[in-house]
Amino acid sequence: MPDTSSDFAELAIPRRSQAFVVEALADTRVVLIAGARQVGKSTLAAVVAENDHPARLLSLDDKATRDAAIGDPTAFVAGLDGPVVIDEVQRAPDLLLAIKRAVDDDTTPGRFLLTGSASILSAPRIAESLAGRVEIVDLWPLAQSEIGRSGANIVDALYSGQAPVVAGATVGRAAFVERAVRGGYPEALRRDTRRRDRWFDDYIRGIVERDLRDLSGAQKLEHVPRLLRLLAAQSAGIYRADRIGRAIGLDMKTVQSYTRLLETVFLVVQAPAWRPSIGSREVQAPKVYIRDSGLLAHLLGADEARAASDDQVSGRLFESFVAMEVARHLPWAATSARLHHYRDRDDEVDIVLESRAGAVACIECKAGATVGRADHRAIGRLRDALGERFVAGFVVYTGADTIPLGDRVWAVPVSALWAGR
């Protein structure tokens, strides 16, 4: 599926990442907008080239252009004058080596703005060759705050140490279900349920038949759609490759390899475990998420009615929705932080953010409209253990109002993810 611009959602909605792309082009030779297909990479690159950083646009989805780039990458790059946008650069990976040589000869910033719907820099020789020469801007599906054109950023709210004040919000599952089931893919947003399901079916098929086969040349890719559904059934849960393998009839290493491929095409993300001791984090199991809640709902076979009524669906969808909205806010937050989860024998916290300075903030997700002591007990224990390192904790829930729950801990309506500033 080509990542083309649309006359609808993405053209009307400014992307918060645009400022970071423009900023990077001012001092970096190569800038890569990376993200899943159909999240608006081509549109963003075209907007930047038209308004902020004039550049020629080329797409490797065009066969003649792609054949020229693959046939002689060095000559292709040598024939480019001035700044240029190259769309879907993963379709000619060797082009990056030619770009590396070109920007070594001419170190002018902003020479190349690339887009890619696969993490081509995961290949060691490509990553090493472009080290220090490329800045990556990760473009997610639309955040709810972008759709609502608000300045809301839940990460900034956490690190300010003050909860956003919300009063009279919609109560219960109606507070999030419609938004979560729609998700953030611009093309899916403008479709009704039936047409959205067809779009997601074609979307998944296109990625398996085109991107994954091009990337890996792997066999047994017919198992990938089922693997994706099993990962959806575990979304917001601990990633257990061995259990998935038994269910799907693949060995654990193959499941892990295919999961990495799904991460490479930006459908799946893993959140590592957090521990007070940095060295202990790597041995803890990560959580796995489907990156977009609309895709998750589709994979779970859930429409709005089922998402609102089926407890097994609503809880998983709610936590995934909140966590992936937080992940969308991280790139443009004032504080640089990473997303983790926390789990030990006694306590579990859904989302733990840690800044480069070591400051910690937490979010617990609850799809219900009331909050009891048990819902924030684990956050309180982390607060007490961390002392001044702990900045704030929110229990994001489906109630109406922001409520203080104790020292630096609040219950916050889910609408704080997209309402206000």
Protein backbone atom coordinates (compact mmCIF):
# COMPACT_ATOMS: atom_id res chain seq x y z
CA MET A 1 0.00 0.00 0.00
CA PRO A 2 1.60 3.32 -0.96
CA ASP A 3 1.87 5.86 1.81
CA THR A 4 0.17 8.59 -0.18
CA SER A 5 -1.37 11.83 0.95
CA SER A 6 -5.11 12.02 1.42
CA ASP A 7 -7.68 14.70 0.88
CA PHE A 8 -8.98 13.97 4.35
CA ALA A 9 -7.68 13.58 7.86
CA GLU A 10 -3.91 13.92 7.67
CA LEU A 11 -4.03 16.99 5.40
CA ALA A 12 -6.30 18.79 7.85
CA ILE A 13 -4.41 17.83 11.01
CA PRO A 14 -1.00 19.42 11.72
CA ARG A 15 1.56 16.94 13.00
CA ARG A 16 3.48 17.79 16.15
CA SER A 17 6.53 16.08 14.62
CA GLN A 18 6.79 18.68 11.86
CA ALA A 19 8.73 21.09 14.06
CA PHE A 20 11.24 18.37 14.93
CA VAL A 21 11.78 17.47 11.27
CA VAL A 22 12.45 21.12 10.40
CA GLU A 23 14.75 21.53 13.39
CA ALA A 24 16.74 18.43 12.42
CA LEU A 25 17.12 19.54 8.80
CA ALA A 26 18.79 22.74 10.01
CA ASP A 27 21.83 20.94 11.45
CA THR A 28 21.78 17.30 10.24
CA ARG A 29 22.78 16.01 6.82
CA VAL A 30 20.16 13.24 6.61
CA VAL A 31 16.76 13.18 8.34
CA LEU A 32 14.61 10.04 8.29
CA ILE A 33 10.87 10.11 9.03
CA ALA A 34 10.21 6.53 10.12
CA GLY A 35 6.87 4.92 10.84
CA ALA A 36 4.24 2.43 9.78
CA ARG A 37 2.60 2.56 6.39
CA GLN A 38 -0.31 4.99 6.11
CA VAL A 39 0.54 7.13 9.15
CA GLY A 40 1.20 10.21 7.00
CA LYS A 41 4.99 10.15 6.42
CA SER A 42 4.73 11.14 2.77
CA THR A 43 2.28 13.89 3.61
CA LEU A 44 4.51 15.29 6.36
CA ALA A 45 7.58 15.19 4.13
CA ALA A 46 5.67 16.97 1.34
CA VAL A 47 4.41 19.66 3.74
CA VAL A 48 7.95 20.26 4.99
CA ALA A 49 9.33 20.39 1.43
CA GLU A 50 6.64 22.83 0.36
CA ASN A 51 6.61 25.14 3.35
CA ASP A 52 9.75 24.85 5.45
CA HIS A 53 12.63 23.28 3.52
CA PRO A 54 12.21 23.46 -0.28
CA ALA A 55 13.18 20.13 -1.83
CA ARG A 56 12.58 17.91 -4.84
CA LEU A 57 10.25 14.94 -4.15
CA LEU A 58 11.01 11.41 -5.37
CA SER A 59 9.16 8.21 -4.45
CA LEU A 60 10.61 4.72 -4.63
CA ASP A 61 7.06 3.42 -4.98
CA ASP A 62 7.45 4.64 -8.58
CA LYS A 63 8.92 1.70 -10.51
CA ALA A 64 11.14 3.72 -12.85
CA THR A 65 12.60 5.70 -9.95
CA ARG A 66 13.08 2.55 -7.88
CA ASP A 67 14.76 0.66 -10.74
CA ALA A 68 17.21 3.54 -11.24
CA ALA A 69 17.99 3.71 -7.52
CA ILE A 70 18.54 -0.05 -7.26
CA GLY A 71 20.44 -0.39 -10.54
CA ASP A 72 23.12 2.21 -9.80
CA PRO A 73 22.69 3.88 -6.39
CA THR A 74 25.86 5.95 -6.71
CA ALA A 75 24.88 7.44 -10.07
CA PHE A 76 21.32 8.00 -8.85
CA VAL A 77 22.50 10.04 -5.86
CA ALA A 78 25.15 11.88 -7.89
CA GLY A 79 22.41 13.10 -10.24
CA LEU A 80 20.45 14.80 -7.47
CA ASP A 81 20.93 18.55 -7.10
CA GLY A 82 19.94 20.43 -3.96
CA PRO A 83 17.81 19.12 -1.11
CA VAL A 84 15.71 16.09 -1.99
CA VAL A 85 12.92 14.04 -0.39
CA ILE A 86 13.16 10.29 -1.08
CA ASP A 87 9.98 8.48 -0.10
CA GLU A 88 9.91 4.79 0.97
CA VAL A 89 13.70 4.51 1.00
CA GLN A 90 13.57 0.97 2.44
CA ARG A 91 12.69 -0.21 -1.07
CA ALA A 92 16.31 0.44 -2.14
CA PRO A 93 18.46 -0.12 0.98
CA ASP A 94 21.79 0.20 -0.85
CA LEU A 95 20.81 3.77 -1.67
CA LEU A 96 21.68 4.64 1.93
CA LEU A 97 25.31 3.67 1.40
CA ALA A 98 25.46 5.97 -1.62
CA ILE A 99 23.84 8.76 0.43
CA LYS A 100 26.47 8.19 3.13
CA ARG A 101 29.27 8.76 0.63
CA ALA A 102 27.54 11.84 -0.77
CA VAL A 103 27.05 13.52 2.61
CA ASP A 104 30.63 12.74 3.60
CA ASP A 105 31.79 14.67 0.53
CA ASP A 106 29.34 17.52 1.14
CA THR A 107 28.39 18.00 4.80
CA THR A 108 25.71 20.64 4.15
CA PRO A 109 22.78 20.10 6.56
CA GLY A 110 19.37 19.15 5.21
CA ARG A 111 20.53 17.49 1.99
CA PHE A 112 18.27 14.45 2.29
CA LEU A 113 14.85 14.03 3.88
CA LEU A 114 13.92 10.34 3.74
CA THR A 115 10.82 8.42 4.70
CA GLY A 116 10.67 4.72 5.50
CA SER A 117 7.97 2.32 6.60
CA ALA A 118 10.49 -0.25 7.83
CA SER A 119 13.29 0.25 10.30
CA ILE A 120 16.06 -0.03 7.72
CA LEU A 121 18.59 1.20 10.25
CA SER A 122 18.19 -2.11 12.07
CA ALA A 123 20.60 -3.56 9.51
CA PRO A 124 24.07 -3.25 11.11
CA ARG A 125 25.95 -2.10 8.00
CA ILE A 126 23.37 0.61 7.33
CA ALA A 127 23.24 1.81 10.94
CA GLU A 128 27.04 1.96 11.17
CA SER A 129 27.43 3.78 7.85
CA LEU A 130 24.95 6.52 8.77
CA ALA A 131 25.99 6.90 12.42
CA GLY A 132 26.37 10.59 13.24
CA ARG A 133 24.91 11.59 9.89
CA VAL A 134 21.20 10.83 10.33
CA GLU A 135 18.49 11.91 12.76
CA ILE A 136 15.38 9.75 13.00
CA VAL A 137 11.94 11.23 13.65
CA ASP A 138 9.53 8.46 14.64
CA LEU A 139 6.07 9.21 13.23
CA TRP A 140 3.23 7.38 15.00
CA PRO A 141 -0.40 7.18 13.96
CA LEU A 142 -2.25 10.33 14.96
CA ALA A 143 -2.44 10.99 18.69
CA GLN A 144 -5.86 11.86 20.08
CA SER A 145 -4.48 15.27 21.06
CA GLU A 146 -3.47 15.85 17.42
CA ILE A 147 -6.92 14.82 16.21
CA GLY A 148 -8.45 17.19 18.77
CA ARG A 149 -5.91 19.92 17.92
CA SER A 150 -5.05 20.41 21.58
CA GLY A 151 -1.72 21.01 23.26
CA ALA A 152 -2.31 18.24 25.79
CA ASN A 153 0.79 16.24 26.70
CA ILE A 154 0.39 13.77 29.52
CA VAL A 155 4.16 13.34 29.88
CA ASP A 156 4.63 17.06 30.48
CA ALA A 157 1.77 16.98 32.98
CA LEU A 158 3.43 14.14 34.91
CA TYR A 159 6.83 15.79 35.00
CA SER A 160 5.34 19.10 36.08
CA GLY A 161 4.26 17.31 39.26
CA GLN A 162 0.68 18.54 38.82
CA ALA A 163 -2.30 16.66 37.46
CA PRO A 164 -4.33 18.24 34.65
CA VAL A 165 -7.58 19.55 36.08
CA VAL A 166 -10.54 17.83 34.41
CA ALA A 167 -14.15 18.14 35.59
CA GLY A 168 -17.37 16.69 34.26
CA ALA A 169 -15.79 14.33 31.74
CA THR A 170 -17.79 11.53 30.11
CA VAL A 171 -18.07 8.64 32.55
CA GLY A 172 -17.60 4.92 31.90
CA ARG A 173 -16.42 3.10 28.83
CA ALA A 174 -18.08 5.65 26.58
CA ALA A 175 -15.21 7.92 27.66
CA PHE A 176 -12.71 6.04 25.47
CA VAL A 177 -14.27 3.25 23.39
CA GLU A 178 -15.09 5.20 20.23
CA ARG A 179 -11.64 6.81 20.11
CA ALA A 180 -9.82 3.58 20.90
CA VAL A 181 -11.65 1.53 18.26
CA ARG A 182 -11.01 4.18 15.59
CA GLY A 183 -7.32 4.47 16.43
CA GLY A 184 -5.04 6.94 14.69
CA TYR A 185 -4.46 5.84 11.08
CA PRO A 186 -5.72 8.74 8.97
CA GLU A 187 -7.30 6.51 6.31
CA ALA A 188 -9.12 4.40 8.91
CA LEU A 189 -10.43 7.44 10.78
CA ARG A 190 -12.76 8.51 8.00
CA ARG A 191 -14.40 5.09 7.50
CA ASP A 192 -17.34 3.43 9.18
CA THR A 193 -16.87 0.13 11.03
CA ARG A 194 -17.39 -2.17 8.05
CA ARG A 195 -15.16 -0.19 5.73
CA ARG A 196 -12.52 0.22 8.44
CA ASP A 197 -12.39 -3.56 8.91
CA ARG A 198 -11.83 -4.04 5.19
CA TRP A 199 -9.10 -1.42 5.24
CA PHE A 200 -7.27 -3.11 8.13
CA ASP A 201 -7.54 -6.52 6.40
CA ASP A 202 -5.92 -5.11 3.26
CA TYR A 203 -3.37 -3.20 5.32
CA ILE A 204 -2.14 -6.31 7.14
CA ARG A 205 -2.11 -8.35 3.93
CA GLY A 206 -0.04 -5.70 2.16
CA ILE A 207 2.56 -5.57 4.92
CA VAL A 208 2.94 -9.36 5.06
CA GLU A 209 3.04 -9.87 1.30
CA ARG A 210 5.27 -6.92 0.56
CA ASP A 211 7.25 -5.38 3.37
CA LEU A 212 8.02 -8.44 5.49
CA ARG A 213 8.94 -10.59 2.49
CA ASP A 214 11.16 -7.81 1.10
CA LEU A 215 12.83 -7.34 4.47
CA SER A 216 13.46 -10.92 5.45
CA GLY A 217 12.95 -13.33 2.61
CA ALA A 218 11.63 -15.51 5.43
CA GLN A 219 9.56 -18.57 4.85
CA LYS A 220 6.36 -19.39 6.72
CA LEU A 221 5.20 -15.78 6.58
CA GLU A 222 1.69 -17.20 6.30
CA HIS A 223 1.93 -17.61 10.09
CA VAL A 224 2.44 -13.87 10.64
CA PRO A 225 -1.23 -12.77 10.59
CA ARG A 226 -2.05 -15.39 13.22
CA LEU A 227 1.00 -14.36 15.26
CA LEU A 228 -0.19 -10.76 15.08
CA ARG A 229 -3.62 -11.80 16.39
CA LEU A 230 -2.00 -13.72 19.26
CA LEU A 231 0.14 -10.69 20.10
CA ALA A 232 -3.05 -8.62 20.09
CA ALA A 233 -4.57 -11.06 22.58
CA GLN A 234 -1.52 -10.39 24.79
CA SER A 235 -1.34 -6.63 24.16
CA ALA A 236 -0.54 -4.81 27.41
CA GLY A 237 0.57 -8.15 28.84
CA ILE A 238 3.93 -9.80 29.46
CA TYR A 239 5.51 -11.07 26.25
CA ARG A 240 5.79 -14.86 26.39
CA ALA A 241 7.26 -16.11 23.12
CA ASP A 242 7.30 -19.72 24.32
CA ARG A 243 3.55 -19.74 24.98
CA ILE A 244 2.79 -18.06 21.69
CA GLY A 245 4.99 -20.57 19.91
CA ARG A 246 3.09 -23.51 21.38
CA ALA A 247 -0.21 -21.96 20.32
CA ILE A 248 0.90 -21.27 16.76
CA GLY A 249 3.09 -24.31 16.14
CA LEU A 250 6.40 -22.44 15.84
CA ASP A 251 9.51 -22.65 17.97
CA MET A 252 10.27 -19.82 20.39
CA LYS A 253 13.19 -18.42 18.36
CA THR A 254 11.02 -18.16 15.25
CA VAL A 255 8.32 -16.34 17.23
CA GLN A 256 10.92 -13.93 18.59
CA SER A 257 12.33 -13.37 15.10
CA TYR A 258 8.89 -12.68 13.61
CA THR A 259 7.99 -10.40 16.51
CA ARG A 260 11.12 -8.37 15.78
CA LEU A 261 10.03 -8.15 12.15
CA LEU A 262 6.64 -6.80 13.26
CA GLU A 263 8.49 -4.22 15.34
CA THR A 264 10.59 -3.36 12.30
CA VAL A 265 7.45 -2.45 10.34
CA PHE A 266 6.08 -0.50 13.34
CA LEU A 267 3.07 -2.68 14.13
CA VAL A 268 4.29 -3.93 17.51
CA VAL A 269 6.28 -2.32 20.31
CA GLN A 270 7.82 -3.81 23.44
CA ALA A 271 8.13 -1.89 26.72
CA PRO A 272 11.03 -3.13 28.86
CA ALA A 273 10.69 -3.84 32.55
CA TRP A 274 11.81 -1.15 34.98
CA ARG A 275 13.82 -1.77 38.12
CA PRO A 276 15.58 0.65 40.48
CA SER A 277 18.84 -1.09 39.54
CA ILE A 278 19.67 -0.37 35.89
CA GLY A 279 21.58 -3.62 35.43
CA SER A 280 18.62 -5.79 36.39
CA ARG A 281 16.21 -4.46 33.76
CA GLU A 282 17.49 -6.48 30.84
CA VAL A 283 16.68 -9.83 32.46
CA GLN A 284 13.02 -8.97 33.06
CA ALA A 285 10.29 -9.80 30.54
CA PRO A 286 8.94 -6.87 28.49
CA LYS A 287 5.32 -6.01 27.84
CA VAL A 288 4.11 -6.17 24.27
CA TYR A 289 1.69 -3.72 22.63
CA ILE A 290 0.00 -3.34 19.28
CA ARG A 291 1.04 0.20 18.36
CA ASP A 292 -2.40 1.42 17.32
CA SER A 293 -5.60 0.77 19.27
CA GLY A 294 -7.72 0.73 16.12
CA LEU A 295 -5.59 -2.05 14.67
CA LEU A 296 -5.74 -3.81 18.06
CA ALA A 297 -9.54 -3.67 18.14
CA HIS A 298 -9.65 -5.07 14.61
CA LEU A 299 -7.30 -7.93 15.50
CA LEU A 300 -9.41 -8.71 18.57
CA GLY A 301 -12.55 -8.76 16.43
CA ALA A 302 -14.12 -6.02 18.55
CA ASP A 303 -16.42 -3.23 17.43
CA GLU A 304 -17.49 -0.40 19.74
CA ALA A 305 -20.36 -2.37 21.23
CA ARG A 306 -18.17 -5.33 22.14
CA ALA A 307 -15.35 -3.11 23.40
CA ALA A 308 -17.84 -1.42 25.72
CA SER A 309 -19.45 -4.61 27.03
CA ASP A 310 -16.83 -7.37 27.00
CA ASP A 311 -14.57 -7.08 30.04
CA GLN A 312 -11.87 -9.22 28.45
CA VAL A 313 -11.64 -6.80 25.54
CA SER A 314 -12.21 -3.47 27.27
CA GLY A 315 -9.47 -3.78 29.90
CA ARG A 316 -6.80 -4.84 27.40
CA LEU A 317 -7.93 -2.21 24.89
CA PHE A 318 -7.97 0.53 27.53
CA GLU A 319 -4.45 -0.10 28.82
CA SER A 320 -3.06 -0.45 25.31
CA PHE A 321 -4.84 2.73 24.23
CA VAL A 322 -3.46 4.73 27.17
CA ALA A 323 0.08 3.34 26.91
CA MET A 324 0.35 3.99 23.18
CA GLU A 325 -1.06 7.51 23.58
CA VAL A 326 1.63 8.14 26.19
CA ALA A 327 4.20 6.77 23.73
CA ARG A 328 2.94 9.22 21.09
CA HIS A 329 3.42 12.12 23.52
CA LEU A 330 7.00 11.21 24.43
CA PRO A 331 8.71 12.54 21.27
CA TRP A 332 7.39 16.08 21.76
CA ALA A 333 7.45 16.22 25.55
CA ALA A 334 9.72 18.75 27.22
CA THR A 335 11.29 15.98 29.33
CA SER A 336 13.08 13.17 27.54
CA ALA A 337 11.93 9.90 29.07
CA ARG A 338 11.53 6.22 28.21
CA LEU A 339 8.48 4.02 28.66
CA HIS A 340 8.71 0.93 30.88
CA HIS A 341 6.47 -1.23 33.03
CA TYR A 342 7.09 -2.40 36.60
CA ARG A 343 6.37 -5.78 38.11
CA ASP A 344 7.61 -7.72 41.12
CA ARG A 345 6.18 -10.40 43.40
CA ASP A 346 3.86 -7.96 45.15
CA ASP A 347 3.22 -4.98 42.91
CA GLU A 348 2.59 -4.04 39.30
CA VAL A 349 2.49 -0.59 37.69
CA ASP A 350 1.29 -0.42 34.10
CA ILE A 351 3.49 2.44 32.87
CA VAL A 352 6.72 3.75 34.38
CA LEU A 353 8.54 6.67 32.78
CA GLU A 354 12.13 7.44 33.68
CA SER A 355 13.88 10.61 32.52
CA ARG A 356 17.56 10.93 31.67
CA ALA A 357 18.00 12.58 35.06
CA GLY A 358 16.49 9.53 36.76
CA ALA A 359 13.17 11.17 37.65
CA VAL A 360 10.34 8.64 37.69
CA ALA A 361 6.63 9.09 36.90
CA CYS A 362 3.94 6.41 36.83
CA ILE A 363 0.56 5.67 35.29
CA GLU A 364 -1.86 2.96 36.33
CA CYS A 365 -4.70 2.25 33.88
CA LYS A 366 -8.22 1.45 35.06
CA ALA A 367 -11.15 1.09 32.70
CA GLY A 368 -13.59 1.70 35.55
CA ALA A 369 -15.21 4.94 36.73
CA THR A 370 -14.13 4.68 40.38
CA VAL A 371 -10.73 4.38 42.02
CA GLY A 372 -10.05 2.51 45.26
CA ARG A 373 -6.96 2.24 47.43
CA ALA A 374 -5.87 -0.98 45.73
CA ASP A 375 -5.69 0.87 42.40
CA HIS A 376 -2.90 3.17 43.55
CA ARG A 377 -1.21 1.12 46.26
CA ALA A 378 1.68 0.05 44.01
CA ILE A 379 2.30 3.63 42.87
CA GLY A 380 2.35 4.72 46.51
CA ARG A 381 4.93 2.08 47.38
CA LEU A 382 7.17 3.16 44.52
CA ARG A 383 6.79 6.79 45.63
CA ASP A 384 7.84 5.91 49.16
CA ALA A 385 10.78 3.83 47.97
CA LEU A 386 12.07 6.42 45.49
CA GLY A 387 11.58 9.55 47.60
CA GLU A 388 12.51 12.70 45.69
CA ARG A 389 13.16 10.74 42.48
CA PHE A 390 9.40 10.15 42.22
CA VAL A 391 7.70 13.09 40.50
CA ALA A 392 4.03 12.08 40.10
CA GLY A 393 1.66 9.20 39.59
CA PHE A 394 -1.68 9.15 37.78
CA VAL A 395 -4.40 6.55 37.84
CA VAL A 396 -5.97 7.13 34.42
CA TYR A 397 -9.60 6.07 34.70
CA THR A 398 -13.03 6.58 33.14
CA GLY A 399 -14.44 8.81 35.85
CA ALA A 400 -15.56 12.42 35.57
CA ASP A 401 -13.06 14.43 37.61
CA THR A 402 -9.43 14.81 38.63
CA ILE A 403 -9.16 13.62 42.24
CA PRO A 404 -6.15 13.83 44.61
CA LEU A 405 -5.31 10.41 46.04
CA GLY A 406 -2.38 11.30 48.25
CA ASP A 407 1.10 12.80 48.06
CA ARG A 408 1.92 13.35 44.33
CA VAL A 409 -0.75 10.85 43.22
CA TRP A 410 -4.03 11.67 41.42
CA ALA A 411 -6.90 9.95 39.64
CA VAL A 412 -7.11 11.55 36.18
CA PRO A 413 -9.92 11.10 33.60
CA VAL A 414 -8.76 9.49 30.36
CA SER A 415 -9.81 12.63 28.45
CA ALA A 416 -6.71 14.35 29.89
CA LEU A 417 -4.85 12.54 27.09
CA TRP A 418 -6.44 14.84 24.53
CA ALA A 419 -8.24 17.70 26.28
CA GLY A 420 -6.75 20.98 27.43
CA ARG A 421 -3.09 21.92 27.31
